[in-house]
Protein backbone atom coordinates (compact mmCIF):
# COMPACT_ATOMS: atom_id res chain seq x y z
CA MET A 1 0.00 0.00 0.00
CA MET A 2 1.46 3.36 -1.04
CA PRO A 3 1.84 5.94 1.72
CA GLY A 4 -0.54 8.90 1.45
CA ILE A 5 0.81 12.37 0.88
CA PRO A 6 -0.30 14.83 3.61
CA LEU A 7 -2.84 17.33 2.30
CA PRO A 8 -0.75 20.45 3.08
CA PHE A 9 2.00 19.23 0.72
CA VAL A 10 -0.50 18.61 -2.08
CA ILE A 11 -1.81 22.13 -1.62
CA SER A 12 1.73 23.49 -1.52
CA LEU A 13 2.57 21.74 -4.80
CA LEU A 14 -0.44 23.30 -6.52
CA LEU A 15 0.52 26.72 -5.20
CA ILE A 16 4.08 26.25 -6.48
CA ILE A 17 2.70 25.42 -9.94
CA LEU A 18 0.69 28.66 -9.85
CA LEU A 19 3.80 30.50 -8.66
CA VAL A 20 5.89 29.18 -11.56
CA ARG A 21 3.21 30.28 -14.04
CA LEU A 22 3.21 33.79 -12.60
CA ILE A 23 7.01 33.99 -12.67
CA ASN A 24 7.12 32.79 -16.28
CA ARG A 25 4.99 35.75 -17.33
CA ARG A 26 7.97 37.96 -16.45
CA GLU A 27 5.92 41.05 -15.71
CA SER A 28 7.28 43.39 -13.05
CA ALA A 29 3.74 44.49 -12.17
CA LEU A 30 3.05 40.98 -10.85
CA GLY A 31 5.63 41.32 -8.05
CA PRO A 32 3.04 41.43 -5.21
CA GLU A 33 1.16 38.45 -6.68
CA VAL A 34 4.37 36.41 -6.92
CA ALA A 35 5.27 37.30 -3.33
CA PHE A 36 1.77 36.44 -2.11
CA VAL A 37 1.64 33.00 -3.75
CA GLY A 38 5.22 32.29 -2.66
CA ALA A 39 4.40 33.17 0.93
CA CYS A 40 1.25 31.00 0.81
CA ALA A 41 3.22 28.03 -0.55
CA THR A 42 5.90 28.46 2.12
CA LEU A 43 3.35 28.77 4.92
CA VAL A 44 1.40 25.68 3.81
CA THR A 45 4.64 23.67 3.55
CA ILE A 46 5.71 24.74 7.02
CA ALA A 47 2.25 23.93 8.39
CA GLY A 48 2.54 20.47 6.84
CA LEU A 49 5.93 19.89 8.44
CA ARG A 50 4.70 21.03 11.82
CA TRP A 51 1.36 19.25 11.97
CA SER A 52 2.18 16.14 9.92
CA PHE A 53 5.65 15.40 11.32
CA ASP A 54 5.74 17.65 14.40
CA VAL A 55 8.94 19.43 13.41
CA GLN A 56 9.60 21.70 16.36
CA ALA A 57 12.37 23.73 14.74
CA ILE A 58 9.96 25.59 12.48
CA ARG A 59 7.70 26.90 15.23
CA PHE A 60 9.52 30.23 15.14
CA ILE A 61 9.24 30.93 11.43
CA GLN A 62 5.62 29.81 10.93
CA PRO A 63 3.99 32.76 12.77
CA VAL A 64 6.36 35.21 11.06
CA ILE A 65 5.42 34.05 7.57
CA ALA A 66 1.76 33.98 8.57
CA ALA A 67 2.03 37.60 9.74
CA SER A 68 3.48 38.61 6.36
CA LEU A 69 0.52 37.29 4.36
CA PRO A 70 -2.06 40.03 5.15
CA PRO A 71 0.25 42.97 4.18
CA ILE A 72 1.36 41.19 1.00
CA ALA A 73 -2.27 40.45 0.12
CA TRP A 74 -3.07 44.12 0.66
CA PHE A 75 -0.32 45.27 -1.71
CA CYS A 76 -1.36 42.58 -4.19
CA PHE A 77 -4.97 43.75 -4.48
CA ALA A 78 -4.75 47.39 -3.42
CA GLY A 79 -2.21 47.89 -6.21
CA LEU A 80 -5.11 47.62 -8.66
CA THR A 81 -6.38 50.99 -7.50
CA GLY A 82 -3.33 52.67 -9.04
CA ALA A 83 -3.37 55.20 -6.19
CA ARG A 84 -0.43 55.93 -3.95
CA SER A 85 -0.91 54.75 -0.38
CA SER A 86 -0.84 57.45 2.28
CA MET A 87 0.61 54.87 4.70
CA PRO A 88 4.39 54.28 4.41
CA ILE A 89 5.37 50.76 3.44
CA TRP A 90 7.54 50.30 6.54
CA LEU A 91 4.48 50.65 8.80
CA HIS A 92 3.09 47.44 7.33
CA ALA A 93 6.27 45.66 8.46
CA ILE A 94 5.85 46.63 12.14
CA PRO A 95 3.33 43.84 12.96
CA ILE A 96 5.62 41.31 11.29
CA GLY A 97 8.52 42.46 13.46
CA ILE A 98 6.38 42.28 16.60
CA VAL A 99 5.29 38.72 15.78
CA ALA A 100 8.93 37.76 15.13
CA ILE A 101 9.98 39.06 18.56
CA LEU A 102 7.08 37.33 20.29
CA SER A 103 7.77 34.08 18.44
CA ALA A 104 11.45 34.19 19.44
CA THR A 105 10.54 34.66 23.11
CA TRP A 106 7.54 32.32 23.14
CA MET A 107 9.24 29.67 25.31
CA ARG A 108 9.80 32.24 28.08
CA TRP A 109 6.31 33.70 28.55
CA GLN A 110 4.06 32.24 25.80
CA PRO A 111 2.51 35.44 24.39
CA PRO A 112 -0.89 35.25 22.57
CA ILE A 113 0.57 35.11 19.05
CA ASP A 114 -2.54 33.45 17.58
CA LEU A 115 -4.70 36.34 18.78
CA ILE A 116 -2.33 38.87 17.21
CA LEU A 117 -2.36 36.95 13.93
CA ALA A 118 -6.14 36.81 14.06
CA ALA A 119 -6.28 40.58 14.50
CA LEU A 120 -3.92 41.06 11.53
CA PHE A 121 -5.95 38.81 9.23
CA LEU A 122 -9.25 40.33 10.29
CA GLY A 123 -7.98 43.90 9.96
CA TYR A 124 -6.54 43.49 6.48
CA GLY A 125 -9.50 41.34 5.45
CA PHE A 126 -12.00 44.06 6.31
CA ALA A 127 -9.75 46.61 4.58
CA LEU A 128 -9.96 44.55 1.36
CA LEU A 129 -13.74 44.29 1.74
CA ARG A 130 -13.87 48.07 2.01
CA LEU A 131 -11.72 48.33 -1.12
CA ALA A 132 -14.01 45.95 -3.00
CA SER A 133 -17.10 47.90 -1.89
CA ALA A 134 -16.01 50.78 -4.17
CA GLY A 135 -16.98 48.63 -7.16
CA PRO A 136 -15.11 47.96 -10.41
CA ASP A 137 -14.42 51.66 -10.98
CA GLY A 138 -12.47 51.72 -7.72
CA LEU A 139 -9.75 49.57 -9.34
CA GLY A 140 -8.43 52.16 -11.75
CA ALA A 141 -5.27 50.23 -12.64
CA ALA A 142 -7.15 47.08 -13.70
CA ARG A 143 -8.06 46.46 -17.31
CA LEU A 144 -11.60 47.72 -17.82
CA ALA A 145 -12.54 44.40 -19.40
CA ASP A 146 -11.46 42.60 -16.20
CA ALA A 147 -12.36 45.23 -13.60
CA ALA A 148 -15.55 43.46 -12.48
CA LYS A 149 -13.69 40.15 -12.02
CA ALA A 150 -10.86 41.91 -10.18
CA GLN A 151 -13.38 43.50 -7.84
CA LYS A 152 -14.88 40.08 -7.08
CA ALA A 153 -11.39 38.66 -6.55
CA THR A 154 -10.63 41.45 -4.08
CA LEU A 155 -13.84 40.63 -2.25
CA ILE A 156 -12.89 36.94 -2.13
CA ALA A 157 -9.39 37.76 -0.87
CA GLY A 158 -10.89 39.83 1.93
CA LEU A 159 -13.21 37.00 2.92
CA VAL A 160 -10.30 34.53 2.82
CA LEU A 161 -8.25 36.71 5.18
CA ILE A 162 -11.21 37.07 7.52
CA GLY A 163 -11.72 33.30 7.41
CA SER A 164 -8.04 32.79 8.23
CA GLY A 165 -8.43 35.14 11.19
CA VAL A 166 -11.34 33.04 12.45
CA VAL A 167 -9.19 29.90 12.02
CA ASP A 168 -6.46 31.46 14.17
CA LEU A 169 -9.07 32.16 16.84
CA LEU A 170 -10.24 28.55 16.67
CA ILE A 171 -6.68 27.28 17.01
CA ALA A 172 -6.07 29.54 20.01
CA GLY A 173 -9.26 28.27 21.60
CA ASP A 174 -8.31 24.66 20.89
CA PHE A 175 -4.96 25.07 22.67
CA ASN A 176 -6.60 26.82 25.62
CA PHE A 177 -9.39 24.28 26.13
CA TYR A 178 -8.29 21.04 24.42
CA GLN A 179 -4.46 21.23 24.52
CA GLY A 180 -4.35 21.57 20.70
CA THR A 181 -5.78 18.12 19.94
CA HIS A 182 -7.87 19.49 17.04
CA ALA A 183 -5.38 22.05 15.72
CA ALA A 184 -3.98 19.87 12.92
CA SER A 185 -7.46 19.06 11.62
CA ILE A 186 -8.46 22.72 11.72
CA VAL A 187 -5.37 23.70 9.71
CA ALA A 188 -5.94 20.95 7.12
CA ILE A 189 -9.61 21.83 6.59
CA ALA A 190 -8.83 25.54 6.41
CA ASN A 191 -6.14 24.96 3.77
CA LEU A 192 -8.47 22.76 1.72
CA LEU A 193 -11.20 25.41 1.72
CA THR A 194 -9.02 28.44 1.04
CA LEU A 195 -6.77 27.04 -1.73
CA PRO A 196 -9.29 27.33 -4.60
CA LEU A 197 -10.25 30.83 -3.46
CA ILE A 198 -6.65 32.01 -3.19
CA ALA A 199 -5.74 30.49 -6.57
CA TYR A 200 -8.77 32.07 -8.24
CA ALA A 201 -8.24 35.50 -6.70
CA VAL A 202 -4.53 35.67 -7.55
CA ALA A 203 -5.07 34.34 -11.08
CA VAL A 204 -7.75 36.96 -11.74
CA VAL A 205 -5.60 39.77 -10.39
CA GLY A 206 -2.65 38.58 -12.47
CA LYS A 207 -4.75 38.72 -15.63
CA SER A 208 -6.25 42.09 -14.69
CA VAL A 209 -2.96 43.94 -14.27
CA SER A 210 -2.32 46.23 -17.21
CA PRO A 211 1.30 46.72 -18.33
CA PRO A 212 2.57 50.21 -17.42
CA GLU A 213 2.68 52.94 -20.02
CA ALA A 214 5.66 55.19 -20.54
CA MET A 215 5.64 58.31 -18.37
CA ASP A 216 2.98 56.83 -16.09
CA ALA A 217 4.55 58.35 -12.98
CA VAL A 218 4.62 61.84 -14.47
CA GLN A 219 1.07 61.55 -15.76
CA ASP A 220 -0.20 60.25 -12.42
CA SER A 221 1.35 63.26 -10.74
CA LEU A 222 -0.41 65.59 -13.14
CA THR A 223 -3.70 63.78 -12.56
CA ASP A 224 -3.30 64.19 -8.81
CA ARG A 225 -2.89 67.93 -9.30
CA VAL A 226 -6.00 68.12 -11.43
CA THR A 227 -7.91 66.23 -8.76
CA ALA A 228 -7.08 68.91 -6.22
CA PHE A 229 -8.69 71.56 -8.44
CA GLY A 230 -11.63 69.29 -9.27
CA ARG A 231 -12.65 69.03 -5.64
CA SER A 232 -13.22 72.76 -5.42
CA GLU A 233 -15.93 72.85 -8.09
CA PRO A 234 -19.26 74.15 -6.76
CA SER A 235 -22.04 71.61 -6.45
CA ASP A 236 -24.49 73.62 -8.59
CA LEU A 237 -22.28 72.90 -11.64
CA ALA A 238 -22.22 69.14 -11.05
CA THR A 239 -24.81 68.25 -13.71
CA ALA A 240 -23.26 70.44 -16.38
CA ASN A 241 -19.80 69.22 -15.43
CA ASP A 242 -20.92 65.58 -15.62
CA THR A 243 -22.27 66.16 -19.13
CA ARG A 244 -19.03 67.83 -20.19
CA ILE A 245 -16.98 64.91 -18.84
CA VAL A 246 -19.13 62.33 -20.62
CA GLU A 247 -18.85 64.31 -23.86
CA THR A 248 -15.06 64.42 -23.48
CA VAL A 249 -14.90 60.66 -22.96
CA ASP A 250 -17.24 60.08 -25.91
CA ARG A 251 -15.05 62.23 -28.15
CA LEU A 252 -11.94 60.30 -27.13
CA MET A 253 -13.68 57.01 -27.79
CA ARG A 254 -14.97 58.01 -31.23
CA GLU A 255 -12.01 60.06 -32.49
CA LYS A 256 -9.11 58.23 -30.85
CA GLN A 257 -10.87 54.86 -30.55
CA LEU A 258 -9.40 54.26 -27.11
CA PHE A 259 -11.80 51.37 -26.62
CA ARG A 260 -9.68 49.30 -29.04
CA ASP A 261 -6.85 49.21 -26.49
CA PRO A 262 -7.32 45.88 -24.63
CA ASP A 263 -5.13 47.19 -21.79
CA LEU A 264 -7.25 50.33 -21.28
CA THR A 265 -7.77 51.16 -17.62
CA LEU A 266 -9.71 53.88 -15.88
CA ASN A 267 -6.47 55.57 -14.88
CA ARG A 268 -5.23 55.58 -18.49
CA LEU A 269 -8.54 57.02 -19.65
CA ALA A 270 -8.26 59.70 -16.98
CA ARG A 271 -4.77 60.66 -18.16
CA ARG A 272 -5.88 60.88 -21.78
CA ALA A 273 -8.86 63.03 -20.84
CA ALA A 274 -6.88 65.08 -18.27
CA ILE A 275 -9.77 64.48 -15.87
CA PRO A 276 -9.48 62.72 -12.49
CA SER A 277 -10.61 59.11 -12.62
CA ARG A 278 -13.08 59.59 -9.77
CA GLN A 279 -14.83 62.36 -11.67
CA ILE A 280 -15.05 60.24 -14.82
CA SER A 281 -16.48 57.32 -12.88
CA ALA A 282 -19.02 59.48 -11.05
CA ALA A 283 -20.07 61.35 -14.21
CA ILE A 284 -20.63 58.19 -16.27
CA ASN A 285 -22.50 56.63 -13.38
CA ARG A 286 -24.81 59.63 -12.95
CA VAL A 287 -25.36 60.44 -16.64
CA CYS A 288 -25.36 56.94 -18.16
CA GLY A 289 -26.40 54.81 -15.18
CA ARG A 290 -23.52 52.35 -15.57
CA ASN A 291 -19.87 51.94 -14.62
CA VAL A 292 -16.92 52.83 -16.84
CA SER A 293 -16.24 49.23 -17.85
CA GLN A 294 -19.80 48.76 -19.09
CA ALA A 295 -19.72 52.07 -20.96
CA VAL A 296 -16.46 51.22 -22.74
CA ASN A 297 -17.76 47.77 -23.64
CA GLU A 298 -20.69 49.42 -25.37
CA TYR A 299 -18.28 51.19 -27.73
CA ARG A 300 -16.51 47.88 -28.31
CA ILE A 301 -19.74 46.07 -29.10
CA GLU A 302 -20.83 48.82 -31.52
CA GLN A 303 -17.51 48.42 -33.33
CA ALA A 304 -17.98 44.66 -33.41
CA LYS A 305 -21.49 45.04 -34.82
CA ARG A 306 -20.22 47.28 -37.63
CA LEU A 307 -17.50 44.80 -38.54
CA LEU A 308 -19.85 41.83 -38.35
CA ALA A 309 -22.37 43.51 -40.65
CA ASN A 310 -19.95 45.07 -43.15
CA SER A 311 -16.98 42.72 -43.37
CA ASP A 312 -16.10 39.07 -43.79
CA LEU A 313 -13.48 39.08 -41.05
CA PRO A 314 -13.50 36.05 -38.73
CA ILE A 315 -15.36 36.65 -35.48
CA THR A 316 -12.17 36.09 -33.47
CA THR A 317 -10.40 38.81 -35.46
CA ILE A 318 -13.34 41.14 -34.91
CA MET A 319 -13.20 40.41 -31.20
CA PHE A 320 -9.58 41.62 -31.02
CA GLU A 321 -10.26 44.58 -33.34
CA ALA A 322 -13.00 45.74 -30.99
CA GLY A 323 -10.70 45.64 -27.95
CA PHE A 324 -11.68 42.36 -26.27
CA GLN A 325 -9.09 39.81 -25.16
CA THR A 326 -11.18 36.77 -24.32
CA LYS A 327 -13.97 35.11 -26.27
CA SER A 328 -16.02 34.48 -23.14
CA ASN A 329 -16.06 38.17 -22.20
CA PHE A 330 -16.83 39.18 -25.79
CA ASN A 331 -19.74 36.75 -26.12
CA ARG A 332 -21.13 37.68 -22.71
CA GLU A 333 -21.08 41.41 -23.39
CA PHE A 334 -22.42 40.97 -26.92
CA LEU A 335 -25.34 38.93 -25.60
CA ARG A 336 -26.00 41.44 -22.83
CA LEU A 337 -26.17 44.41 -25.19
CA THR A 338 -27.77 42.86 -28.28
CA GLY A 339 -29.67 39.86 -26.96
CA THR A 340 -28.00 37.57 -29.48
CA SER A 341 -24.65 35.96 -30.26
CA PRO A 342 -22.08 37.44 -32.69
CA SER A 343 -22.62 34.64 -35.22
CA ASP A 344 -26.41 35.01 -35.11
CA TYR A 345 -26.08 38.77 -35.46
CA ARG A 346 -23.90 38.33 -38.56
CA ARG A 347 -26.38 35.88 -40.13
CA SER A 348 -29.26 38.25 -39.43
CA SER A 349 -27.37 41.23 -40.89
CA THR A 350 -26.43 39.27 -44.01
CA GLN A 351 -30.01 38.13 -44.50
CA ASN A 352 -31.39 41.65 -44.09
CA ARG A 353 -28.81 43.01 -46.53
CA ASN A 354 -29.67 40.35 -49.13
CA GLU A 355 -33.41 40.98 -48.76
CA SER A 356 -32.86 44.72 -49.09
CA GLY A 357 -30.83 44.16 -52.26
CA ALA A 358 -33.48 41.91 -53.74
CA ILE A 359 -36.22 44.48 -53.14
CA SER A 360 -34.20 47.23 -54.77
CA VAL A 361 -33.69 45.11 -57.90
CA GLU A 362 -37.28 43.94 -58.26
CA SER A 363 -39.00 47.26 -57.44
CA PRO A 364 -38.28 50.12 -59.87
CA ALA A 365 -37.75 53.55 -58.46
CA PRO A 366 -40.77 55.87 -58.28
CA GLY A 367 -41.44 57.72 -61.53
CA THR A 368 -39.56 55.27 -63.80
CA ARG A 369 -42.65 53.43 -65.09
């Protein structure tokens, strides 16, 4: 009979496969995602060594790596906002340092490390939920085509962190009341439940990251300055200002065809329009009743409809010409806006064009009889 492989090592192997795939993409913007998956794989491996083989030597490093996960997750998902954090990076490292000190001195006075970890996971988890509550337009650095998925992934990541915080509380309670007899089972079940969610969230974020444009830093600085002036506009001009913003965006879409850029983000659109992203999002929401991603997809679908009706290009080529990257997203948006599939729309357009041509041949123009 072959010996079974402990579940944590199976999970770790799957995470390593995901890590290799992210590294092979060789995109600098994926740094937080690579660090997050790497930390998850390391933590799961260490948990497997501790609970499956009771390796005592790793008891120091396990809490330290666990404490690093919430800040890394925050940078991973909060980076999609494209905004500069008002909190210095080194402040996020303070809890990790505290946990390291407590872990090193645990044998002397046994501090409540699990409670501290629970607080970390819960705090960052609720912060990600707050970030996700802003909606797809709150993730200005995500591709508009993937903004909705990225928002859901951020929500899932927040729930995963909160769930991990609850697990830490359960482990602390198990050690206090049952001498840790159920701790290994709690860890195994928690890993089994969170792996698919972590893999999905990180994969979505990795696909949603748009490659940086040249001069992004300079343009972001200029946008920040414009935002400062935009906040001082009187409220009685809000409606007129919203209309002006929507007209500016519409002009950019029709004249510059920005919708054809598959990597278009809200922040890029804001830089091209020289209008703060928050104002664009709010204006489109108030005037059009939809978010920026939905509005841009409408331009893309209109372009696809024109090409389907007036050209013989393959549907896949039309999909890319219109600015979509995936067939599933293209078909879903096409169905949402037209009520039919691209292929059915092409057949209907061809049939209508043929019938119109037949009528024009058979029916003479008025006054020619």
